[in-house]
Amino acid sequence: MLALGYTLTFLVPYLGGAIWDATHLTVSALLPGAAGALIVIAGAALIDLRPRAVH
């Protein structure tokens, strides 16, 4: 998890900068972060939080 977190901490701003350089639109730099947030929200929505019976 630590390696994944640090990798994403590097990649998301890097991708944002690359997209910004390609499009010259300031708002486009936020797209990788927004995409990551949507992935996290979708993943959280799939978690089953109902209590389970213990046998």
N, C-alpha and C. Protein backbone atom coordinates (compact mmCIF):
# COMPACT_ATOMS: atom_id res chain seq x y z
N MET A 1 0.83 -1.18 0.00
CA MET A 1 0.00 0.00 0.00
C MET A 1 0.88 1.25 0.00
N LEU A 2 1.95 1.20 0.72
CA LEU A 2 2.84 2.36 0.76
C LEU A 2 3.41 2.65 -0.63
N ALA A 3 3.85 1.62 -1.30
CA ALA A 3 4.42 1.81 -2.64
C ALA A 3 3.35 2.30 -3.62
N LEU A 4 2.15 1.76 -3.50
CA LEU A 4 1.06 2.21 -4.38
C LEU A 4 0.72 3.67 -4.12
N GLY A 5 0.64 4.04 -2.86
CA GLY A 5 0.33 5.42 -2.51
C GLY A 5 1.38 6.39 -3.02
N TYR A 6 2.64 6.08 -2.84
CA TYR A 6 3.70 6.97 -3.31
C TYR A 6 3.76 7.00 -4.83
N THR A 7 3.48 5.89 -5.48
CA THR A 7 3.46 5.87 -6.94
C THR A 7 2.36 6.77 -7.48
N LEU A 8 1.17 6.67 -6.89
CA LEU A 8 0.07 7.52 -7.34
C LEU A 8 0.32 8.99 -6.99
N THR A 9 0.98 9.25 -5.86
CA THR A 9 1.31 10.62 -5.49
C THR A 9 2.25 11.25 -6.51
N PHE A 10 3.06 10.44 -7.14
CA PHE A 10 3.93 10.95 -8.20
C PHE A 10 3.20 11.02 -9.54
N LEU A 11 2.45 9.98 -9.88
CA LEU A 11 1.86 9.90 -11.22
C LEU A 11 0.73 10.88 -11.48
N VAL A 12 -0.13 11.11 -10.50
CA VAL A 12 -1.30 11.97 -10.73
C VAL A 12 -0.87 13.39 -11.09
N PRO A 13 0.01 14.05 -10.34
CA PRO A 13 0.45 15.39 -10.76
C PRO A 13 1.23 15.37 -12.08
N TYR A 14 1.99 14.32 -12.30
CA TYR A 14 2.75 14.21 -13.55
C TYR A 14 1.79 14.14 -14.74
N LEU A 15 0.77 13.29 -14.63
CA LEU A 15 -0.21 13.19 -15.71
C LEU A 15 -0.98 14.49 -15.88
N GLY A 16 -1.32 15.13 -14.78
CA GLY A 16 -2.01 16.41 -14.86
C GLY A 16 -1.18 17.44 -15.60
N GLY A 17 0.09 17.49 -15.31
CA GLY A 17 0.98 18.41 -16.01
C GLY A 17 1.11 18.08 -17.49
N ALA A 18 1.19 16.80 -17.81
CA ALA A 18 1.28 16.39 -19.21
C ALA A 18 0.02 16.76 -19.98
N ILE A 19 -1.14 16.55 -19.36
CA ILE A 19 -2.39 16.92 -20.01
C ILE A 19 -2.48 18.44 -20.17
N TRP A 20 -2.04 19.17 -19.16
CA TRP A 20 -2.05 20.62 -19.22
C TRP A 20 -1.15 21.12 -20.36
N ASP A 21 0.04 20.53 -20.47
CA ASP A 21 0.95 20.92 -21.55
C ASP A 21 0.36 20.62 -22.93
N ALA A 22 -0.38 19.53 -23.03
CA ALA A 22 -0.95 19.14 -24.32
C ALA A 22 -2.15 19.99 -24.71
N THR A 23 -2.96 20.38 -23.73
CA THR A 23 -4.21 21.09 -24.04
C THR A 23 -4.14 22.59 -23.79
N HIS A 24 -3.22 23.05 -22.95
CA HIS A 24 -3.11 24.46 -22.56
C HIS A 24 -4.38 24.96 -21.86
N LEU A 25 -5.13 24.05 -21.24
CA LEU A 25 -6.30 24.39 -20.45
C LEU A 25 -5.99 24.09 -18.99
N THR A 26 -6.09 25.11 -18.15
CA THR A 26 -5.74 24.94 -16.74
C THR A 26 -6.59 23.88 -16.06
N VAL A 27 -7.89 23.86 -16.37
CA VAL A 27 -8.79 22.90 -15.72
C VAL A 27 -8.44 21.45 -16.08
N SER A 28 -7.80 21.24 -17.21
CA SER A 28 -7.46 19.88 -17.62
C SER A 28 -6.42 19.25 -16.69
N ALA A 29 -5.66 20.05 -15.96
CA ALA A 29 -4.67 19.52 -15.03
C ALA A 29 -5.34 18.77 -13.88
N LEU A 30 -6.62 19.04 -13.64
CA LEU A 30 -7.34 18.39 -12.55
C LEU A 30 -7.98 17.06 -12.95
N LEU A 31 -7.97 16.74 -14.23
CA LEU A 31 -8.63 15.51 -14.70
C LEU A 31 -8.09 14.22 -14.08
N PRO A 32 -6.78 14.02 -13.99
CA PRO A 32 -6.32 12.76 -13.37
C PRO A 32 -6.76 12.62 -11.91
N GLY A 33 -6.75 13.71 -11.16
CA GLY A 33 -7.21 13.66 -9.77
C GLY A 33 -8.69 13.38 -9.68
N ALA A 34 -9.47 13.99 -10.57
CA ALA A 34 -10.92 13.76 -10.59
C ALA A 34 -11.23 12.32 -10.99
N ALA A 35 -10.50 11.80 -11.96
CA ALA A 35 -10.71 10.41 -12.37
C ALA A 35 -10.38 9.46 -11.22
N GLY A 36 -9.30 9.72 -10.50
CA GLY A 36 -8.95 8.89 -9.35
C GLY A 36 -9.99 8.95 -8.27
N ALA A 37 -10.54 10.14 -8.02
CA ALA A 37 -11.59 10.27 -7.01
C ALA A 37 -12.83 9.48 -7.40
N LEU A 38 -13.19 9.51 -8.68
CA LEU A 38 -14.35 8.75 -9.14
C LEU A 38 -14.12 7.25 -9.00
N ILE A 39 -12.91 6.80 -9.24
CA ILE A 39 -12.60 5.38 -9.08
C ILE A 39 -12.72 4.97 -7.61
N VAL A 40 -12.24 5.80 -6.71
CA VAL A 40 -12.34 5.50 -5.28
C VAL A 40 -13.81 5.49 -4.83
N ILE A 41 -14.59 6.45 -5.29
CA ILE A 41 -16.02 6.50 -4.93
C ILE A 41 -16.75 5.28 -5.46
N ALA A 42 -16.47 4.89 -6.70
CA ALA A 42 -17.11 3.70 -7.27
C ALA A 42 -16.70 2.44 -6.50
N GLY A 43 -15.44 2.35 -6.14
CA GLY A 43 -14.99 1.19 -5.37
C GLY A 43 -15.63 1.13 -3.99
N ALA A 44 -15.78 2.28 -3.36
CA ALA A 44 -16.42 2.33 -2.04
C ALA A 44 -17.89 1.94 -2.13
N ALA A 45 -18.53 2.27 -3.24
CA ALA A 45 -19.95 1.94 -3.40
C ALA A 45 -20.16 0.43 -3.53
N LEU A 46 -19.13 -0.29 -3.91
CA LEU A 46 -19.23 -1.74 -4.09
C LEU A 46 -19.01 -2.54 -2.81
N ILE A 47 -18.58 -1.90 -1.75
CA ILE A 47 -18.31 -2.59 -0.49
C ILE A 47 -19.62 -2.96 0.18
N ASP A 48 -19.74 -4.20 0.58
CA ASP A 48 -20.92 -4.68 1.27
C ASP A 48 -20.76 -4.44 2.78
N LEU A 49 -21.56 -3.55 3.32
CA LEU A 49 -21.43 -3.20 4.74
C LEU A 49 -22.49 -3.84 5.62
N ARG A 50 -23.28 -4.75 5.08
CA ARG A 50 -24.30 -5.39 5.91
C ARG A 50 -23.65 -6.33 6.93
N PRO A 51 -24.17 -6.36 8.15
CA PRO A 51 -23.61 -7.28 9.14
C PRO A 51 -23.87 -8.73 8.73
N ARG A 52 -22.95 -9.57 9.06
CA ARG A 52 -23.07 -11.00 8.72
C ARG A 52 -23.28 -11.80 10.02
N ALA A 53 -24.05 -12.84 9.90
CA ALA A 53 -24.31 -13.71 11.04
C ALA A 53 -23.06 -14.55 11.33
N VAL A 54 -22.71 -14.68 12.59
CA VAL A 54 -21.57 -15.48 13.00
C VAL A 54 -22.10 -16.84 13.43
N HIS A 55 -21.53 -17.90 12.89
CA HIS A 55 -22.01 -19.26 13.22
C HIS A 55 -21.11 -19.92 14.20
